[in-house]
Amino acid sequence: MALEFEGSLIKVLSEVSGQGKNGVWVKQDFILETADQYPKKACFTAWGDKTADLKTFSLGDKLKVTFSVESREYNERWYTDLRAYRIEAAGEGSVSSTPAPAPRASSPAPRPSAPVADLPSFSEDDQDLPF
């Protein structure tokens, strides 16, 4: 399942690398902050060649990150990563493999109401109901 997050790049942490059984690995964490009334911050991890993609952006840039959520257990504690697999400028006209969620309305649309006098009256004796 792909998820998306848009926000401003506020911090890029140091690149970390190491040697694993499959060879050398590299990762870099970065933090985005939303521009909502109550801003939210999220820390994402870019792995491998995605660290090079991250270097093309500057602090303050508006980014859209497509990511997956991964959790793992170690010593009976759980750790969760937001693994970025696409990092792009927000508003970029690219085609996404998953549709963005529809925006939610902040309040329900007003429903028109008819005056009570205009409503039809029914009794239990009416047999021609439409249902």
Foldseek 3Di string as FASTA:
>chain_A
DKDKDKFFWADKDDKDWDADPVGIKIKIKTKGWHPDPDIDIDIAMEIDPVVVVVVVDDGGFIKMFIWDWDWDDDPNDIDIHTYTDDIDGPPDPDDDPDDHDDDDDPDDDDDDDDDPVPDDDDDPPDDPDPD
